[in-house]
Amino acid sequence: SVHLGDPVAAARFEREAQTAARLSHPHLAVVYDYGEASDGMFLVMELLDGETLAQRLRDGALAPAEAATIVAAAAEA
């Protein structure tokens, strides 16, 4: 999280959260809200079913075709 004691980082986080909240695409999780808590700033995002990329990589490296599919989806978004 972004610590509130760093005003430059907090301002950057807020700008990026506002930008992310305006984006809409099937390959992007929706950002519903953002805010401050006692220990830092946070995003409220859409909960998606499935595994994360980090979880998938625990099973080993991606095959080139699988990696290309993931990268293409991210680039499209």
C-alpha atoms as a PDB file:
ATOM      1  CA  SER A   1       0.000   0.000   0.000  1.00  0.00           C
ATOM      2  CA  VAL A   2       0.977   3.640  -0.376  1.00  0.00           C
ATOM      3  CA  HIS A   3       1.812   5.230   2.940  1.00  0.00           C
ATOM      4  CA  LEU A   4       0.060   8.499   3.679  1.00  0.00           C
ATOM      5  CA  GLY A   5       3.325  10.070   4.828  1.00  0.00           C
ATOM      6  CA  ASP A   6       4.543  10.293   1.211  1.00  0.00           C
ATOM      7  CA  PRO A   7       2.444  13.027  -0.438  1.00  0.00           C
ATOM      8  CA  VAL A   8       4.042  12.525  -3.877  1.00  0.00           C
ATOM      9  CA  ALA A   9       3.303   8.784  -3.874  1.00  0.00           C
ATOM     10  CA  ALA A  10      -0.213   9.406  -2.511  1.00  0.00           C
ATOM     11  CA  ALA A  11      -0.969  11.943  -5.258  1.00  0.00           C
ATOM     12  CA  ARG A  12       0.349   9.557  -7.921  1.00  0.00           C
ATOM     13  CA  PHE A  13      -1.750   6.709  -6.474  1.00  0.00           C
ATOM     14  CA  GLU A  14      -4.876   8.876  -6.571  1.00  0.00           C
ATOM     15  CA  ARG A  15      -4.268   9.936 -10.207  1.00  0.00           C
ATOM     16  CA  GLU A  16      -3.661   6.335 -11.264  1.00  0.00           C
ATOM     17  CA  ALA A  17      -6.747   5.117  -9.359  1.00  0.00           C
ATOM     18  CA  GLN A  18      -8.917   7.758 -11.046  1.00  0.00           C
ATOM     19  CA  THR A  19      -7.524   6.804 -14.461  1.00  0.00           C
ATOM     20  CA  ALA A  20      -8.035   3.077 -13.822  1.00  0.00           C
ATOM     21  CA  ALA A  21     -11.624   3.704 -12.666  1.00  0.00           C
ATOM     22  CA  ARG A  22     -12.426   5.278 -16.063  1.00  0.00           C
ATOM     23  CA  LEU A  23     -11.201   2.247 -18.024  1.00  0.00           C
ATOM     24  CA  SER A  24     -13.615  -0.391 -19.273  1.00  0.00           C
ATOM     25  CA  HIS A  25     -12.494  -3.485 -21.168  1.00  0.00           C
ATOM     26  CA  PRO A  26     -13.221  -7.235 -20.922  1.00  0.00           C
ATOM     27  CA  HIS A  27      -9.542  -7.927 -20.094  1.00  0.00           C
ATOM     28  CA  LEU A  28      -9.376  -5.435 -17.209  1.00  0.00           C
ATOM     29  CA  ALA A  29     -10.692  -5.732 -13.669  1.00  0.00           C
ATOM     30  CA  VAL A  30     -13.064  -2.876 -12.827  1.00  0.00           C
ATOM     31  CA  VAL A  31     -11.859  -0.364 -10.221  1.00  0.00           C
ATOM     32  CA  TYR A  32     -14.894   0.614  -8.149  1.00  0.00           C
ATOM     33  CA  ASP A  33     -13.361   2.934  -5.592  1.00  0.00           C
ATOM     34  CA  TYR A  34     -10.191   3.959  -3.790  1.00  0.00           C
ATOM     35  CA  GLY A  35      -9.438   5.618  -0.505  1.00  0.00           C
ATOM     36  CA  GLU A  36      -7.293   6.023   2.556  1.00  0.00           C
ATOM     37  CA  ALA A  37      -7.067   3.840   5.647  1.00  0.00           C
ATOM     38  CA  SER A  38      -4.989   4.330   8.758  1.00  0.00           C
ATOM     39  CA  ASP A  39      -2.096   2.338   7.243  1.00  0.00           C
ATOM     40  CA  GLY A  40      -2.187   3.542   3.635  1.00  0.00           C
ATOM     41  CA  MET A  41      -4.263   3.868   0.488  1.00  0.00           C
ATOM     42  CA  PHE A  42      -6.282   1.121  -1.178  1.00  0.00           C
ATOM     43  CA  LEU A  43      -8.228   0.163  -4.312  1.00  0.00           C
ATOM     44  CA  VAL A  44     -11.610  -1.571  -4.378  1.00  0.00           C
ATOM     45  CA  MET A  45     -11.583  -3.785  -7.465  1.00  0.00           C
ATOM     46  CA  GLU A  46     -13.806  -6.334  -9.133  1.00  0.00           C
ATOM     47  CA  LEU A  47     -13.380  -9.867  -7.784  1.00  0.00           C
ATOM     48  CA  LEU A  48     -12.656 -12.270 -10.631  1.00  0.00           C
ATOM     49  CA  ASP A  49     -12.826 -16.053 -10.632  1.00  0.00           C
ATOM     50  CA  GLY A  50      -9.748 -18.054 -11.512  1.00  0.00           C
ATOM     51  CA  GLU A  51      -6.109 -18.135 -10.600  1.00  0.00           C
ATOM     52  CA  THR A  52      -3.650 -15.258 -10.658  1.00  0.00           C
ATOM     53  CA  LEU A  53      -0.670 -15.258 -12.965  1.00  0.00           C
ATOM     54  CA  ALA A  54       1.546 -15.760  -9.903  1.00  0.00           C
ATOM     55  CA  GLN A  55      -0.446 -18.860  -8.948  1.00  0.00           C
ATOM     56  CA  ARG A  56      -0.216 -20.186 -12.502  1.00  0.00           C
ATOM     57  CA  LEU A  57       3.564 -19.665 -12.583  1.00  0.00           C
ATOM     58  CA  ARG A  58       3.996 -21.809  -9.456  1.00  0.00           C
ATOM     59  CA  ASP A  59       3.222 -24.759 -11.731  1.00  0.00           C
ATOM     60  CA  GLY A  60       6.181 -23.853 -13.931  1.00  0.00           C
ATOM     61  CA  ALA A  61       6.990 -21.631 -16.864  1.00  0.00           C
ATOM     62  CA  LEU A  62       4.309 -20.818 -19.395  1.00  0.00           C
ATOM     63  CA  ALA A  63       4.426 -22.461 -22.793  1.00  0.00           C
ATOM     64  CA  PRO A  64       5.196 -19.864 -25.489  1.00  0.00           C
ATOM     65  CA  ALA A  65       1.663 -20.074 -26.938  1.00  0.00           C
ATOM     66  CA  GLU A  66       0.087 -19.592 -23.487  1.00  0.00           C
ATOM     67  CA  ALA A  67       2.378 -16.633 -22.745  1.00  0.00           C
ATOM     68  CA  ALA A  68       1.541 -15.090 -26.131  1.00  0.00           C
ATOM     69  CA  THR A  69      -2.189 -15.404 -25.413  1.00  0.00           C
ATOM     70  CA  ILE A  70      -1.826 -13.678 -22.042  1.00  0.00           C
ATOM     71  CA  VAL A  71       0.380 -10.913 -23.425  1.00  0.00           C
ATOM     72  CA  ALA A  72      -1.998 -10.352 -26.376  1.00  0.00           C
ATOM     73  CA  ALA A  73      -4.984 -10.004 -24.030  1.00  0.00           C
ATOM     74  CA  ALA A  74      -3.099  -7.525 -21.844  1.00  0.00           C
ATOM     75  CA  ALA A  75      -1.934  -5.528 -24.866  1.00  0.00           C
ATOM     76  CA  GLU A  76      -5.472  -5.408 -26.233  1.00  0.00           C
ATOM     77  CA  ALA A  77      -6.744  -4.025 -22.933  1.00  0.00           C
END
